[in-house]
Protein backbone atom coordinates (compact mmCIF):
# COMPACT_ATOMS: atom_id res chain seq x y z
CA UNK A 1 22.38 58.23 32.67
CA UNK A 2 24.10 56.22 30.50
CA UNK A 3 25.93 53.28 31.61
CA UNK A 4 29.78 52.63 32.80
CA UNK A 5 29.67 49.87 29.47
CA UNK A 6 28.25 52.85 27.21
CA UNK A 7 30.63 55.47 27.50
CA UNK A 8 33.56 52.37 27.61
CA UNK A 9 32.85 51.05 24.78
CA UNK A 10 32.50 54.83 23.27
CA UNK A 11 35.77 55.48 23.98
CA UNK A 12 37.17 52.05 22.55
CA UNK A 13 35.86 53.07 19.07
CA UNK A 14 36.93 57.23 19.37
CA UNK A 15 40.77 55.53 19.95
CA UNK A 16 40.21 52.87 16.73
CA UNK A 17 39.04 55.83 14.96
CA UNK A 18 41.48 58.38 15.47
CA UNK A 19 44.32 55.68 14.69
CA UNK A 20 43.39 56.32 11.57
CA UNK A 21 42.42 59.73 11.68
CA UNK A 22 43.85 61.48 7.98
CA UNK A 23 43.73 65.59 8.46
CA UNK A 24 44.29 66.96 5.35
CA UNK A 25 40.67 63.81 4.40
CA UNK A 26 39.23 65.87 7.31
CA UNK A 27 39.91 69.06 6.43
CA UNK A 28 37.98 68.09 3.05
CA UNK A 29 35.38 66.81 4.05
CA UNK A 30 34.23 69.09 6.73
CA UNK A 31 34.51 72.01 3.91
CA UNK A 32 32.62 69.48 1.40
CA UNK A 33 30.20 69.36 4.09
CA UNK A 34 29.33 71.81 5.61
CA UNK A 35 29.15 70.95 8.30
CA UNK A 36 30.20 72.18 12.14
CA UNK A 37 30.56 68.45 13.64
CA UNK A 38 34.66 68.41 14.21
CA UNK A 39 36.26 65.30 11.42
CA UNK A 40 39.11 62.55 11.67
CA UNK A 41 39.00 62.29 8.12
CA UNK A 42 37.70 58.24 8.43
CA UNK A 43 36.76 56.65 4.41
CA UNK A 44 33.86 54.10 4.55
CA UNK A 45 35.33 51.23 4.58
CA UNK A 46 37.62 51.52 7.19
CA UNK A 47 34.76 52.89 9.25
CA UNK A 48 33.18 49.37 8.25
CA UNK A 49 36.19 47.69 9.40
CA UNK A 50 36.65 49.32 13.11
CA UNK A 51 33.28 48.71 13.15
CA UNK A 52 32.76 44.59 12.61
CA UNK A 53 35.63 44.42 14.46
CA UNK A 54 34.17 46.49 17.25
CA UNK A 55 31.01 44.01 17.59
CA UNK A 56 33.17 40.55 16.73
CA UNK A 57 34.99 41.40 20.11
CA UNK A 58 31.57 41.81 21.95
CA UNK A 59 30.12 39.18 21.07
CA UNK A 60 27.39 39.22 23.70
CA UNK A 61 26.45 42.69 23.54
CA UNK A 62 22.25 42.82 23.09
CA UNK A 63 20.27 45.04 21.33
CA UNK A 64 19.40 47.41 24.35
CA UNK A 65 22.79 48.02 25.42
CA UNK A 66 23.93 48.46 20.92
CA UNK A 67 21.21 50.96 21.41
CA UNK A 68 22.72 52.67 24.31
CA UNK A 69 25.94 52.97 22.49
CA UNK A 70 24.65 54.03 19.71
CA UNK A 71 22.86 56.86 21.29
CA UNK A 72 25.93 57.27 23.80
CA UNK A 73 28.35 57.56 20.15
CA UNK A 74 25.18 59.78 18.44
CA UNK A 75 25.84 62.86 21.43
CA UNK A 76 28.97 63.80 20.76
CA UNK A 77 30.24 66.28 18.14
CA UNK A 78 32.68 64.09 15.59
CA UNK A 79 31.47 62.86 12.43
CA UNK A 80 33.05 60.35 12.51
CA UNK A 81 31.18 59.01 15.71
CA UNK A 82 27.73 59.70 14.67
CA UNK A 83 28.54 57.24 11.39
CA UNK A 84 30.57 54.15 12.89
CA UNK A 85 27.40 53.96 15.29
CA UNK A 86 25.48 53.22 11.26
CA UNK A 87 27.93 51.55 10.81
CA UNK A 88 27.26 49.26 14.45
CA UNK A 89 23.61 48.95 13.06
CA UNK A 90 23.21 48.19 10.38
CA UNK A 91 26.07 45.12 10.61
CA UNK A 92 23.11 43.94 13.70
CA UNK A 93 19.92 45.50 11.44
CA UNK A 94 18.88 42.27 12.29
CA UNK A 95 18.77 42.28 15.80
CA UNK A 96 15.64 44.83 15.31
CA UNK A 97 12.15 45.24 14.47
CA UNK A 98 9.76 47.91 13.25
CA UNK A 99 9.29 49.23 16.08
CA UNK A 100 12.72 50.37 15.77
CA UNK A 101 11.61 52.69 13.29
CA UNK A 102 11.62 55.63 16.52
CA UNK A 103 15.05 55.10 17.28
CA UNK A 104 15.81 56.01 13.54
CA UNK A 105 13.69 59.06 12.92
CA UNK A 106 16.14 60.19 16.71
CA UNK A 107 18.93 59.59 15.05
CA UNK A 108 17.53 61.06 10.92
CA UNK A 109 16.26 64.27 13.19
CA UNK A 110 19.98 65.13 14.78
CA UNK A 111 21.89 64.06 12.41
CA UNK A 112 21.39 67.65 9.63
CA UNK A 113 24.09 66.17 6.92
CA UNK A 114 22.70 63.79 3.75
CA UNK A 115 26.22 61.87 4.64
CA UNK A 116 23.94 60.13 7.72
CA UNK A 117 20.87 60.92 6.85
CA UNK A 118 21.07 58.72 3.80
CA UNK A 119 22.75 55.82 5.17
CA UNK A 120 20.52 55.84 7.76
CA UNK A 121 17.38 55.83 4.88
CA UNK A 122 18.78 53.41 3.01
CA UNK A 123 21.16 50.18 5.52
CA UNK A 124 18.89 50.78 8.34
CA UNK A 125 15.51 52.22 7.93
CA UNK A 126 14.90 50.13 4.33
CA UNK A 127 15.27 47.03 6.10
CA UNK A 128 12.70 47.06 8.49
CA UNK A 129 11.03 48.59 6.43
CA UNK A 130 10.63 45.58 4.14
CA UNK A 131 9.72 43.35 6.58
CA UNK A 132 7.12 45.40 7.32
CA UNK A 133 5.93 47.20 4.96
CA UNK A 134 2.04 47.73 5.67
CA UNK A 135 3.36 48.90 9.76
CA UNK A 136 5.58 50.73 8.06
CA UNK A 137 3.41 52.57 6.00
CA UNK A 138 1.91 55.15 8.61
CA UNK A 139 5.38 55.89 10.19
CA UNK A 140 6.76 56.93 6.23
CA UNK A 141 2.47 58.71 5.76
CA UNK A 142 3.99 61.28 8.74
CA UNK A 143 7.98 61.33 7.95
CA UNK A 144 6.74 62.62 4.30
CA UNK A 145 4.68 65.79 5.66
CA UNK A 146 7.16 66.42 8.05
CA UNK A 147 8.32 70.00 8.31
CA UNK A 148 12.55 68.56 8.71
CA UNK A 149 13.07 68.16 5.08
CA UNK A 150 15.54 65.94 5.97
CA UNK A 151 13.14 63.58 7.13
CA UNK A 152 10.96 64.20 4.03
CA UNK A 153 13.60 63.07 2.50
CA UNK A 154 14.17 59.82 4.30
CA UNK A 155 10.09 58.87 3.64
CA UNK A 156 11.62 58.56 -0.06
CA UNK A 157 15.42 57.42 0.23
CA UNK A 158 13.69 54.68 2.46
CA UNK A 159 12.47 52.64 -0.51
CA UNK A 160 15.09 53.12 -2.54
CA UNK A 161 16.07 50.14 -1.82
CA UNK A 162 13.33 48.23 -3.20
CA UNK A 163 12.91 49.67 -5.89
CA UNK A 164 16.05 50.12 -7.25
CA UNK A 165 15.50 46.02 -6.89
CA UNK A 166 12.74 46.15 -8.96
CA UNK A 167 10.29 45.64 -6.03
CA UNK A 168 8.64 48.01 -3.92
CA UNK A 169 6.34 49.75 -3.53
CA UNK A 170 6.36 52.25 -6.43
CA UNK A 171 2.72 54.17 -5.74
CA UNK A 172 3.49 55.28 -1.93
CA UNK A 173 6.84 56.39 -3.23
CA UNK A 174 5.04 58.51 -6.19
CA UNK A 175 2.38 59.44 -3.53
CA UNK A 176 4.77 61.46 -1.43
CA UNK A 177 7.19 62.42 -4.47
CA UNK A 178 3.80 64.18 -6.02
CA UNK A 179 3.50 66.20 -2.75
CA UNK A 180 7.00 67.44 -2.41
CA UNK A 181 7.29 68.04 -6.61
CA UNK A 182 7.06 71.68 -6.03
CA UNK A 183 9.51 71.47 -3.37
CA UNK A 184 12.67 74.09 -3.58
CA UNK A 185 15.03 72.52 -1.16
CA UNK A 186 17.49 70.65 -2.81
CA UNK A 187 17.81 68.27 -1.40
CA UNK A 188 14.37 67.27 -2.20
CA UNK A 189 14.65 68.02 -5.44
CA UNK A 190 17.30 65.27 -5.69
CA UNK A 191 16.16 62.70 -3.73
CA UNK A 192 12.81 62.55 -6.03
CA UNK A 193 15.45 62.32 -9.40
CA UNK A 194 17.80 59.52 -7.44
CA UNK A 195 14.17 57.34 -7.26
CA UNK A 196 13.01 57.84 -10.27
CA UNK A 197 16.75 57.22 -12.14
CA UNK A 198 17.21 54.49 -9.98
CA UNK A 199 13.65 53.33 -11.41
CA UNK A 200 13.75 53.53 -15.11
CA UNK A 201 16.97 51.70 -14.77
CA UNK A 202 14.67 48.45 -14.83
CA UNK A 203 10.83 49.43 -14.46
CA UNK A 204 11.32 52.94 -16.95
CA UNK A 205 7.46 52.71 -17.97
CA UNK A 206 7.08 54.36 -13.90
CA UNK A 207 10.06 56.65 -14.33
CA UNK A 208 8.53 58.23 -17.38
CA UNK A 209 5.22 58.10 -16.26
CA UNK A 210 6.01 60.16 -12.82
CA UNK A 211 7.60 63.01 -15.49
CA UNK A 212 4.71 62.74 -17.75
CA UNK A 213 2.65 63.83 -14.96
CA UNK A 214 4.77 66.27 -13.49
CA UNK A 215 6.32 67.85 -16.58
CA UNK A 216 5.56 70.70 -15.69
CA UNK A 217 5.41 71.02 -11.60
CA UNK A 218 9.50 68.91 -11.91
CA UNK A 219 12.75 71.15 -11.17
CA UNK A 220 15.76 71.05 -13.43
CA UNK A 221 17.20 68.71 -11.44
CA UNK A 222 14.75 66.43 -10.99
CA UNK A 223 14.14 65.76 -14.25
CA UNK A 224 18.10 65.57 -15.40
CA UNK A 225 18.39 62.64 -12.43
CA UNK A 226 14.75 61.14 -12.86
CA UNK A 227 15.67 61.23 -17.50
CA UNK A 228 19.38 60.26 -17.50
CA UNK A 229 18.90 56.51 -17.49
CA UNK A 230 15.06 56.63 -19.85
CA UNK A 231 15.76 54.78 -22.53
CA UNK A 232 16.79 57.59 -25.51
CA UNK A 233 13.06 58.38 -27.33
CA UNK A 234 11.06 58.28 -24.03
CA UNK A 235 13.66 60.88 -22.86
CA UNK A 236 13.76 62.82 -26.04
CA UNK A 237 10.11 62.82 -26.22
CA UNK A 238 9.37 64.97 -22.34
CA UNK A 239 12.85 67.21 -23.19
CA UNK A 240 11.06 68.37 -26.28
CA UNK A 241 7.64 69.35 -24.49
CA UNK A 242 9.49 70.76 -21.29
């Protein structure tokens, strides 16, 4: 049962979001995301401002209280209520530990849209994983073979920030992506290409070697994304053999 404080705080956030709603933007966002959720049409920057202001006013809120609020926000069928929950987690991710990936997984399973999944992966799961990659690896491995394609996508995108920065565990990503490279699901194909694209900016050989190994398996989408920023001689050589 949700406590009165969580209900009160959720209502406070809902009011703050309602005040800055944009009906035209809401209509466009709902159509773009093909979602059954209700939309207020609040853009990411003002939404984060609402989250930050709330946390500044509730500095006494501890981790357990925050989790209770997150779950209450996630129960409301309004996109911005879920999005502000992610913004709160992003802002307070330092208070969470690797064991809290179970909370992240629960939210991922109830997201049903890249707009929430990708934010959770890159801003909440990724910082937790980077602290204790060895401990997180079994969780990511389980995610990578999950029946839910959003969870499989999460196994790769949760590694993206570290890989993008020039670090991270590319071999782990490649082991996941290799199993998924022949999938027909758009969001899996896109995720593989996205990670390869960002890796190629600093370490083109890694992206090249992956595409070379799977040249006859990767979809056109994955290939286009993954080879986009490769040096022209690498990209042209791969194209000549497709």
